[in-house]
Amino acid sequence: MGLADYRESEVYSDLEKLVLDYTVALTRTPAEVPDALVEDLREHISEEALVELSASIAWKNFRARFNRGFDIEAQGFSQGACCPLPEGPRQV
């Protein structure tokens, strides 16, 4: 099982699964994050860490969408060293 099946995987901790759920929710269009998910995250990480996590996810989304808007393709610098996106939309 890999990233696409992270919810069912025993490889990821409960916190890692929450972070992935949050990442998927923020990456969707429209970005809708359930209040319960944010509260679950706050039980595990500080407010400062939540801000940093949110900023990191938003920055990655900005870069991906900016590049897509200008048809900027991968240049091969990270070939074989990147994480695949989860398969299909998932409900959190």
N, C-alpha and C. Protein backbone atom coordinates (compact mmCIF):
# COMPACT_ATOMS: atom_id res chain seq x y z
N MET A 1 0.84 -1.19 0.00
CA MET A 1 0.00 0.00 0.00
C MET A 1 0.88 1.24 0.00
N GLY A 2 0.48 2.19 -0.82
CA GLY A 2 1.25 3.41 -0.92
C GLY A 2 0.44 4.61 -0.52
N LEU A 3 0.85 5.73 -1.03
CA LEU A 3 0.20 7.00 -0.70
C LEU A 3 -1.26 7.02 -1.14
N ALA A 4 -1.56 6.41 -2.25
CA ALA A 4 -2.94 6.40 -2.74
C ALA A 4 -3.90 5.71 -1.77
N ASP A 5 -3.38 4.80 -0.96
CA ASP A 5 -4.20 4.07 0.01
C ASP A 5 -3.82 4.42 1.45
N TYR A 6 -3.40 5.65 1.66
CA TYR A 6 -2.88 6.03 2.98
C TYR A 6 -3.88 5.81 4.11
N ARG A 7 -5.18 5.98 3.87
CA ARG A 7 -6.17 5.81 4.94
C ARG A 7 -6.18 4.39 5.48
N GLU A 8 -5.95 3.41 4.62
CA GLU A 8 -5.99 2.01 5.03
C GLU A 8 -4.62 1.48 5.41
N SER A 9 -3.58 2.24 5.17
CA SER A 9 -2.21 1.78 5.38
C SER A 9 -1.82 1.81 6.85
N GLU A 10 -1.01 0.84 7.24
CA GLU A 10 -0.45 0.82 8.59
C GLU A 10 0.91 1.52 8.63
N VAL A 11 1.37 1.97 7.48
CA VAL A 11 2.66 2.65 7.37
C VAL A 11 2.59 4.05 7.98
N TYR A 12 1.43 4.71 7.83
CA TYR A 12 1.29 6.08 8.29
C TYR A 12 0.67 6.14 9.68
N SER A 13 1.19 7.04 10.51
CA SER A 13 0.64 7.24 11.85
C SER A 13 -0.70 7.97 11.74
N ASP A 14 -1.43 8.01 12.84
CA ASP A 14 -2.71 8.73 12.85
C ASP A 14 -2.50 10.21 12.51
N LEU A 15 -1.44 10.81 13.04
CA LEU A 15 -1.16 12.21 12.74
C LEU A 15 -0.82 12.39 11.27
N GLU A 16 -0.04 11.52 10.70
CA GLU A 16 0.30 11.61 9.28
C GLU A 16 -0.96 11.49 8.41
N LYS A 17 -1.87 10.63 8.81
CA LYS A 17 -3.12 10.49 8.06
C LYS A 17 -3.96 11.77 8.15
N LEU A 18 -3.98 12.40 9.33
CA LEU A 18 -4.69 13.67 9.49
C LEU A 18 -4.07 14.75 8.60
N VAL A 19 -2.74 14.81 8.57
CA VAL A 19 -2.04 15.79 7.75
C VAL A 19 -2.35 15.55 6.27
N LEU A 20 -2.37 14.30 5.85
CA LEU A 20 -2.71 13.99 4.46
C LEU A 20 -4.17 14.34 4.16
N ASP A 21 -5.07 14.06 5.09
CA ASP A 21 -6.48 14.45 4.91
C ASP A 21 -6.59 15.97 4.74
N TYR A 22 -5.86 16.70 5.56
CA TYR A 22 -5.87 18.16 5.52
C TYR A 22 -5.30 18.66 4.18
N THR A 23 -4.22 18.04 3.74
CA THR A 23 -3.60 18.40 2.47
C THR A 23 -4.57 18.18 1.32
N VAL A 24 -5.23 17.04 1.30
CA VAL A 24 -6.20 16.75 0.24
C VAL A 24 -7.34 17.76 0.28
N ALA A 25 -7.84 18.07 1.46
CA ALA A 25 -8.95 19.02 1.58
C ALA A 25 -8.56 20.41 1.09
N LEU A 26 -7.36 20.87 1.43
CA LEU A 26 -6.91 22.20 1.00
C LEU A 26 -6.58 22.25 -0.49
N THR A 27 -6.29 21.10 -1.07
CA THR A 27 -5.89 21.05 -2.48
C THR A 27 -7.09 20.96 -3.41
N ARG A 28 -8.22 20.52 -2.91
CA ARG A 28 -9.43 20.43 -3.73
C ARG A 28 -9.89 21.79 -4.19
N THR A 29 -10.71 21.78 -5.24
CA THR A 29 -11.36 23.00 -5.70
C THR A 29 -12.86 22.75 -5.66
N PRO A 30 -13.60 23.48 -4.84
CA PRO A 30 -13.12 24.47 -3.88
C PRO A 30 -12.50 23.80 -2.66
N ALA A 31 -11.62 24.53 -2.00
CA ALA A 31 -10.96 24.02 -0.80
C ALA A 31 -11.93 24.12 0.37
N GLU A 32 -12.39 22.97 0.82
CA GLU A 32 -13.32 22.93 1.95
C GLU A 32 -12.75 22.00 3.01
N VAL A 33 -12.40 22.58 4.14
CA VAL A 33 -11.80 21.80 5.22
C VAL A 33 -12.82 21.71 6.36
N PRO A 34 -13.24 20.51 6.70
CA PRO A 34 -14.19 20.36 7.80
C PRO A 34 -13.60 20.87 9.12
N ASP A 35 -14.42 21.56 9.90
CA ASP A 35 -13.97 22.06 11.20
C ASP A 35 -13.45 20.93 12.08
N ALA A 36 -14.09 19.78 11.99
CA ALA A 36 -13.68 18.64 12.82
C ALA A 36 -12.25 18.20 12.49
N LEU A 37 -11.87 18.29 11.23
CA LEU A 37 -10.52 17.91 10.83
C LEU A 37 -9.49 18.87 11.44
N VAL A 38 -9.80 20.16 11.41
CA VAL A 38 -8.89 21.15 12.00
C VAL A 38 -8.79 20.93 13.51
N GLU A 39 -9.90 20.66 14.15
CA GLU A 39 -9.87 20.39 15.59
C GLU A 39 -9.06 19.14 15.92
N ASP A 40 -9.20 18.11 15.10
CA ASP A 40 -8.39 16.89 15.30
C ASP A 40 -6.91 17.20 15.18
N LEU A 41 -6.54 18.02 14.20
CA LEU A 41 -5.14 18.41 14.04
C LEU A 41 -4.64 19.20 15.24
N ARG A 42 -5.47 20.09 15.75
CA ARG A 42 -5.08 20.92 16.91
C ARG A 42 -4.84 20.08 18.16
N GLU A 43 -5.40 18.89 18.21
CA GLU A 43 -5.14 18.00 19.34
C GLU A 43 -3.71 17.43 19.29
N HIS A 44 -3.09 17.47 18.11
CA HIS A 44 -1.78 16.86 17.92
C HIS A 44 -0.66 17.86 17.68
N ILE A 45 -0.98 19.04 17.11
CA ILE A 45 0.06 20.01 16.79
C ILE A 45 -0.34 21.39 17.30
N SER A 46 0.66 22.24 17.47
CA SER A 46 0.41 23.59 17.97
C SER A 46 -0.23 24.46 16.89
N GLU A 47 -0.73 25.60 17.32
CA GLU A 47 -1.32 26.56 16.38
C GLU A 47 -0.25 27.03 15.39
N GLU A 48 0.96 27.24 15.88
CA GLU A 48 2.07 27.66 15.02
C GLU A 48 2.36 26.61 13.96
N ALA A 49 2.35 25.35 14.35
CA ALA A 49 2.61 24.27 13.40
C ALA A 49 1.48 24.17 12.37
N LEU A 50 0.25 24.42 12.81
CA LEU A 50 -0.88 24.39 11.88
C LEU A 50 -0.76 25.51 10.85
N VAL A 51 -0.33 26.68 11.29
CA VAL A 51 -0.12 27.80 10.36
C VAL A 51 0.98 27.44 9.36
N GLU A 52 2.08 26.89 9.85
CA GLU A 52 3.18 26.51 8.96
C GLU A 52 2.75 25.42 7.98
N LEU A 53 2.02 24.43 8.46
CA LEU A 53 1.52 23.37 7.58
C LEU A 53 0.61 23.95 6.51
N SER A 54 -0.32 24.82 6.91
CA SER A 54 -1.25 25.43 5.95
C SER A 54 -0.51 26.26 4.91
N ALA A 55 0.48 27.03 5.35
CA ALA A 55 1.26 27.85 4.42
C ALA A 55 2.04 26.98 3.44
N SER A 56 2.60 25.88 3.92
CA SER A 56 3.35 24.99 3.04
C SER A 56 2.46 24.37 1.97
N ILE A 57 1.28 23.93 2.38
CA ILE A 57 0.34 23.34 1.43
C ILE A 57 -0.12 24.39 0.42
N ALA A 58 -0.44 25.59 0.91
CA ALA A 58 -0.89 26.66 0.02
C ALA A 58 0.21 27.04 -0.98
N TRP A 59 1.45 27.11 -0.52
CA TRP A 59 2.56 27.47 -1.41
C TRP A 59 2.75 26.41 -2.50
N LYS A 60 2.68 25.15 -2.13
CA LYS A 60 2.82 24.08 -3.13
C LYS A 60 1.68 24.15 -4.15
N ASN A 61 0.46 24.42 -3.68
CA ASN A 61 -0.68 24.56 -4.58
C ASN A 61 -0.52 25.77 -5.50
N PHE A 62 -0.04 26.88 -4.95
CA PHE A 62 0.20 28.06 -5.77
C PHE A 62 1.18 27.75 -6.88
N ARG A 63 2.30 27.14 -6.53
CA ARG A 63 3.33 26.83 -7.53
C ARG A 63 2.80 25.88 -8.60
N ALA A 64 2.07 24.88 -8.18
CA ALA A 64 1.54 23.91 -9.15
C ALA A 64 0.55 24.57 -10.11
N ARG A 65 -0.32 25.40 -9.58
CA ARG A 65 -1.33 26.06 -10.43
C ARG A 65 -0.70 27.14 -11.30
N PHE A 66 0.28 27.86 -10.77
CA PHE A 66 1.00 28.85 -11.57
C PHE A 66 1.68 28.17 -12.75
N ASN A 67 2.40 27.10 -12.47
CA ASN A 67 3.09 26.37 -13.53
C ASN A 67 2.11 25.84 -14.57
N ARG A 68 0.99 25.33 -14.12
CA ARG A 68 -0.02 24.81 -15.05
C ARG A 68 -0.56 25.92 -15.94
N GLY A 69 -0.74 27.10 -15.38
CA GLY A 69 -1.26 28.23 -16.13
C GLY A 69 -0.34 28.66 -17.27
N PHE A 70 0.95 28.43 -17.11
CA PHE A 70 1.92 28.80 -18.14
C PHE A 70 2.46 27.59 -18.88
N ASP A 71 1.80 26.46 -18.72
CA ASP A 71 2.23 25.22 -19.39
C ASP A 71 3.68 24.86 -19.09
N ILE A 72 4.11 25.14 -17.87
CA ILE A 72 5.47 24.79 -17.47
C ILE A 72 5.47 23.32 -17.08
N GLU A 73 6.22 22.55 -17.81
CA GLU A 73 6.30 21.11 -17.58
C GLU A 73 7.46 20.79 -16.65
N ALA A 74 7.45 19.61 -16.10
CA ALA A 74 8.56 19.14 -15.28
C ALA A 74 9.84 19.13 -16.12
N GLN A 75 10.94 19.51 -15.49
CA GLN A 75 12.21 19.59 -16.19
C GLN A 75 13.09 18.36 -15.93
N GLY A 76 12.57 17.39 -15.17
CA GLY A 76 13.30 16.15 -14.93
C GLY A 76 14.27 16.19 -13.77
N PHE A 77 14.30 17.31 -13.02
CA PHE A 77 15.26 17.41 -11.91
C PHE A 77 14.94 16.45 -10.77
N SER A 78 13.68 16.13 -10.60
CA SER A 78 13.31 15.24 -9.50
C SER A 78 12.77 13.91 -10.02
N GLN A 79 13.13 13.56 -11.22
CA GLN A 79 12.61 12.33 -11.81
C GLN A 79 12.84 11.14 -10.87
N GLY A 80 11.76 10.48 -10.52
CA GLY A 80 11.84 9.32 -9.63
C GLY A 80 11.93 9.68 -8.16
N ALA A 81 11.92 10.98 -7.83
CA ALA A 81 12.07 11.40 -6.44
C ALA A 81 10.91 12.28 -6.00
N CYS A 82 9.70 11.97 -6.45
CA CYS A 82 8.55 12.77 -6.05
C CYS A 82 7.42 11.85 -5.61
N CYS A 83 6.47 12.44 -4.91
CA CYS A 83 5.33 11.68 -4.40
C CYS A 83 4.18 11.75 -5.39
N PRO A 84 3.57 10.64 -5.71
CA PRO A 84 2.40 10.66 -6.58
C PRO A 84 1.19 11.20 -5.81
N LEU A 85 0.26 11.78 -6.54
CA LEU A 85 -0.97 12.24 -5.91
C LEU A 85 -1.87 11.04 -5.60
N PRO A 86 -2.68 11.14 -4.55
CA PRO A 86 -3.65 10.07 -4.28
C PRO A 86 -4.56 9.90 -5.49
N GLU A 87 -5.00 8.69 -5.72
CA GLU A 87 -5.85 8.40 -6.87
C GLU A 87 -7.26 8.86 -6.60
N GLY A 88 -7.78 9.71 -7.49
CA GLY A 88 -9.16 10.14 -7.43
C GLY A 88 -9.50 10.96 -6.19
N PRO A 89 -10.62 11.66 -6.24
CA PRO A 89 -11.03 12.46 -5.09
C PRO A 89 -11.49 11.57 -3.95
N ARG A 90 -11.13 11.95 -2.76
CA ARG A 90 -11.53 11.20 -1.57
C ARG A 90 -12.32 12.12 -0.67
N GLN A 91 -13.29 11.57 0.00
CA GLN A 91 -14.05 12.31 0.98
C GLN A 91 -13.36 12.19 2.32
N VAL A 92 -13.22 13.30 2.99
CA VAL A 92 -12.56 13.31 4.30
C VAL A 92 -13.60 13.25 5.39
